[in-house]
Amino acid sequence: MNQERIKLLKKYIEEEPQTPFNKYALAMEYYEEDIEESSKLLKELVTDHQDYLPTYFKLAHLLWDLEMWEDAETIFENGIELAKQQNDNKALSELKSAYQNFQFER
């Protein structure tokens, strides 16, 4: 984790709380080393910024890694639906592929 980047991202979140990218970037800083904090931030994004599509892929994988099967499945399904609504074919393809792997491995 890069503490300087974390400090800067927290400042950005404070200054612009309605910009989802800042919170997403902070969650990615924590993703490998503080999964609890990353999970908290990603869940906040899904609640507060439901249309921010990148969140769904990472949160679903995090929940999958934590063996929270039902929660991961719900996030995958919600992300797939959002990608369809936003006509984001790249994200849709990535989410569908990951969801298939999830269903196979679970």
C-alpha atoms as a PDB file:
ATOM      1  CA  MET A   1       0.000   0.000   0.000  1.00  0.00           C
ATOM      2  CA  ASN A   2       1.198   3.444  -0.846  1.00  0.00           C
ATOM      3  CA  GLN A   3       0.488   5.608   2.215  1.00  0.00           C
ATOM      4  CA  GLU A   4       0.990   8.864   0.332  1.00  0.00           C
ATOM      5  CA  ARG A   5      -1.517   7.837  -2.318  1.00  0.00           C
ATOM      6  CA  ILE A   6      -3.963   6.724   0.384  1.00  0.00           C
ATOM      7  CA  LYS A   7      -3.640  10.079   2.128  1.00  0.00           C
ATOM      8  CA  LEU A   8      -4.187  11.924  -1.152  1.00  0.00           C
ATOM      9  CA  LEU A   9      -7.212   9.815  -2.101  1.00  0.00           C
ATOM     10  CA  LYS A  10      -8.799  10.380   1.312  1.00  0.00           C
ATOM     11  CA  LYS A  11      -8.334  14.114   0.773  1.00  0.00           C
ATOM     12  CA  TYR A  12      -9.987  13.858  -2.645  1.00  0.00           C
ATOM     13  CA  ILE A  13     -12.906  11.911  -1.154  1.00  0.00           C
ATOM     14  CA  GLU A  14     -13.351  14.592   1.486  1.00  0.00           C
ATOM     15  CA  GLU A  15     -13.262  17.346  -1.135  1.00  0.00           C
ATOM     16  CA  GLU A  16     -15.461  15.546  -3.682  1.00  0.00           C
ATOM     17  CA  PRO A  17     -17.611  12.945  -1.903  1.00  0.00           C
ATOM     18  CA  GLN A  18     -19.859  12.503  -4.934  1.00  0.00           C
ATOM     19  CA  THR A  19     -17.011  11.384  -7.224  1.00  0.00           C
ATOM     20  CA  PRO A  20     -17.039   7.574  -7.068  1.00  0.00           C
ATOM     21  CA  PHE A  21     -13.648   7.098  -8.728  1.00  0.00           C
ATOM     22  CA  ASN A  22     -11.781   8.442  -5.706  1.00  0.00           C
ATOM     23  CA  LYS A  23     -13.364   5.924  -3.342  1.00  0.00           C
ATOM     24  CA  TYR A  24     -12.866   3.159  -5.898  1.00  0.00           C
ATOM     25  CA  ALA A  25      -9.177   4.048  -6.240  1.00  0.00           C
ATOM     26  CA  LEU A  26      -8.822   3.991  -2.448  1.00  0.00           C
ATOM     27  CA  ALA A  27     -10.492   0.576  -2.297  1.00  0.00           C
ATOM     28  CA  MET A  28      -7.985  -0.680  -4.874  1.00  0.00           C
ATOM     29  CA  GLU A  29      -5.106   0.608  -2.739  1.00  0.00           C
ATOM     30  CA  TYR A  30      -6.393  -1.506   0.133  1.00  0.00           C
ATOM     31  CA  TYR A  31      -7.432  -4.506  -2.005  1.00  0.00           C
ATOM     32  CA  GLU A  32      -4.366  -6.702  -1.465  1.00  0.00           C
ATOM     33  CA  GLU A  33      -3.346  -5.780   2.065  1.00  0.00           C
ATOM     34  CA  ASP A  34      -6.514  -4.717   3.897  1.00  0.00           C
ATOM     35  CA  ILE A  35      -9.382  -6.681   2.415  1.00  0.00           C
ATOM     36  CA  GLU A  36     -11.760  -5.563   5.162  1.00  0.00           C
ATOM     37  CA  GLU A  37     -11.268  -1.870   4.377  1.00  0.00           C
ATOM     38  CA  SER A  38     -11.458  -2.534   0.649  1.00  0.00           C
ATOM     39  CA  SER A  39     -14.687  -4.481   1.121  1.00  0.00           C
ATOM     40  CA  LYS A  40     -16.187  -1.680   3.199  1.00  0.00           C
ATOM     41  CA  LEU A  41     -15.392   0.926   0.559  1.00  0.00           C
ATOM     42  CA  LEU A  42     -16.658  -1.199  -2.344  1.00  0.00           C
ATOM     43  CA  LYS A  43     -19.910  -1.945  -0.505  1.00  0.00           C
ATOM     44  CA  GLU A  44     -20.369   1.775   0.132  1.00  0.00           C
ATOM     45  CA  LEU A  45     -19.895   2.414  -3.574  1.00  0.00           C
ATOM     46  CA  VAL A  46     -22.506  -0.179  -4.552  1.00  0.00           C
ATOM     47  CA  THR A  47     -24.930   1.499  -2.161  1.00  0.00           C
ATOM     48  CA  ASP A  48     -24.103   5.165  -2.765  1.00  0.00           C
ATOM     49  CA  HIS A  49     -23.102   5.055  -6.450  1.00  0.00           C
ATOM     50  CA  GLN A  50     -25.074   2.160  -7.885  1.00  0.00           C
ATOM     51  CA  ASP A  51     -24.294   3.169 -11.460  1.00  0.00           C
ATOM     52  CA  TYR A  52     -20.498   3.016 -11.037  1.00  0.00           C
ATOM     53  CA  LEU A  53     -19.912  -0.197 -12.951  1.00  0.00           C
ATOM     54  CA  PRO A  54     -16.243  -1.006 -12.131  1.00  0.00           C
ATOM     55  CA  THR A  55     -17.222  -1.611  -8.508  1.00  0.00           C
ATOM     56  CA  TYR A  56     -19.237  -4.723  -9.293  1.00  0.00           C
ATOM     57  CA  PHE A  57     -16.407  -6.733 -10.816  1.00  0.00           C
ATOM     58  CA  LYS A  58     -13.979  -6.077  -7.956  1.00  0.00           C
ATOM     59  CA  LEU A  59     -16.531  -6.474  -5.164  1.00  0.00           C
ATOM     60  CA  ALA A  60     -17.851  -9.732  -6.613  1.00  0.00           C
ATOM     61  CA  HIS A  61     -14.293 -11.114  -6.782  1.00  0.00           C
ATOM     62  CA  LEU A  62     -13.518  -9.965  -3.266  1.00  0.00           C
ATOM     63  CA  LEU A  63     -16.666 -11.653  -1.930  1.00  0.00           C
ATOM     64  CA  TRP A  64     -15.818 -14.746  -3.955  1.00  0.00           C
ATOM     65  CA  ASP A  65     -12.349 -14.827  -2.375  1.00  0.00           C
ATOM     66  CA  LEU A  66     -13.990 -14.553   1.042  1.00  0.00           C
ATOM     67  CA  GLU A  67     -16.293 -17.459   0.114  1.00  0.00           C
ATOM     68  CA  MET A  68     -19.368 -15.280   0.541  1.00  0.00           C
ATOM     69  CA  TRP A  69     -21.046 -17.142  -2.298  1.00  0.00           C
ATOM     70  CA  GLU A  70     -24.549 -15.678  -2.207  1.00  0.00           C
ATOM     71  CA  ASP A  71     -23.318 -12.102  -1.870  1.00  0.00           C
ATOM     72  CA  ALA A  72     -20.830 -12.585  -4.711  1.00  0.00           C
ATOM     73  CA  GLU A  73     -23.523 -14.056  -6.926  1.00  0.00           C
ATOM     74  CA  THR A  74     -25.845 -11.122  -6.259  1.00  0.00           C
ATOM     75  CA  ILE A  75     -23.130  -8.597  -7.071  1.00  0.00           C
ATOM     76  CA  PHE A  76     -22.209 -10.428 -10.291  1.00  0.00           C
ATOM     77  CA  GLU A  77     -25.858 -10.500 -11.361  1.00  0.00           C
ATOM     78  CA  ASN A  78     -26.408  -6.823 -10.500  1.00  0.00           C
ATOM     79  CA  GLY A  79     -23.238  -5.854 -12.365  1.00  0.00           C
ATOM     80  CA  ILE A  80     -24.280  -7.833 -15.435  1.00  0.00           C
ATOM     81  CA  GLU A  81     -27.661  -6.123 -15.435  1.00  0.00           C
ATOM     82  CA  LEU A  82     -26.076  -2.683 -15.035  1.00  0.00           C
ATOM     83  CA  ALA A  83     -23.620  -3.358 -17.871  1.00  0.00           C
ATOM     84  CA  LYS A  84     -26.580  -4.254 -20.102  1.00  0.00           C
ATOM     85  CA  GLN A  85     -28.398  -1.059 -19.110  1.00  0.00           C
ATOM     86  CA  GLN A  86     -25.295   1.027 -19.814  1.00  0.00           C
ATOM     87  CA  ASN A  87     -24.609  -0.794 -23.095  1.00  0.00           C
ATOM     88  CA  ASP A  88     -21.063  -1.482 -21.921  1.00  0.00           C
ATOM     89  CA  ASN A  89     -20.236  -4.607 -23.903  1.00  0.00           C
ATOM     90  CA  LYS A  90     -16.670  -4.894 -22.644  1.00  0.00           C
ATOM     91  CA  ALA A  91     -17.725  -4.827 -18.986  1.00  0.00           C
ATOM     92  CA  LEU A  92     -20.639  -7.135 -19.758  1.00  0.00           C
ATOM     93  CA  SER A  93     -18.329  -9.670 -21.372  1.00  0.00           C
ATOM     94  CA  GLU A  94     -15.858  -9.503 -18.465  1.00  0.00           C
ATOM     95  CA  LEU A  95     -18.590  -9.841 -15.841  1.00  0.00           C
ATOM     96  CA  LYS A  96     -20.274 -12.733 -17.649  1.00  0.00           C
ATOM     97  CA  SER A  97     -16.987 -14.582 -18.045  1.00  0.00           C
ATOM     98  CA  ALA A  98     -16.053 -14.088 -14.395  1.00  0.00           C
ATOM     99  CA  TYR A  99     -19.559 -15.120 -13.318  1.00  0.00           C
ATOM    100  CA  GLN A 100     -19.311 -18.339 -15.338  1.00  0.00           C
ATOM    101  CA  ASN A 101     -15.982 -19.140 -13.688  1.00  0.00           C
ATOM    102  CA  PHE A 102     -17.513 -18.356 -10.318  1.00  0.00           C
ATOM    103  CA  GLN A 103     -20.435 -20.718 -10.947  1.00  0.00           C
ATOM    104  CA  PHE A 104     -18.086 -23.453 -12.108  1.00  0.00           C
ATOM    105  CA  GLU A 105     -15.677 -23.194  -9.162  1.00  0.00           C
ATOM    106  CA  ARG A 106     -18.133 -22.647  -6.366  1.00  0.00           C
END
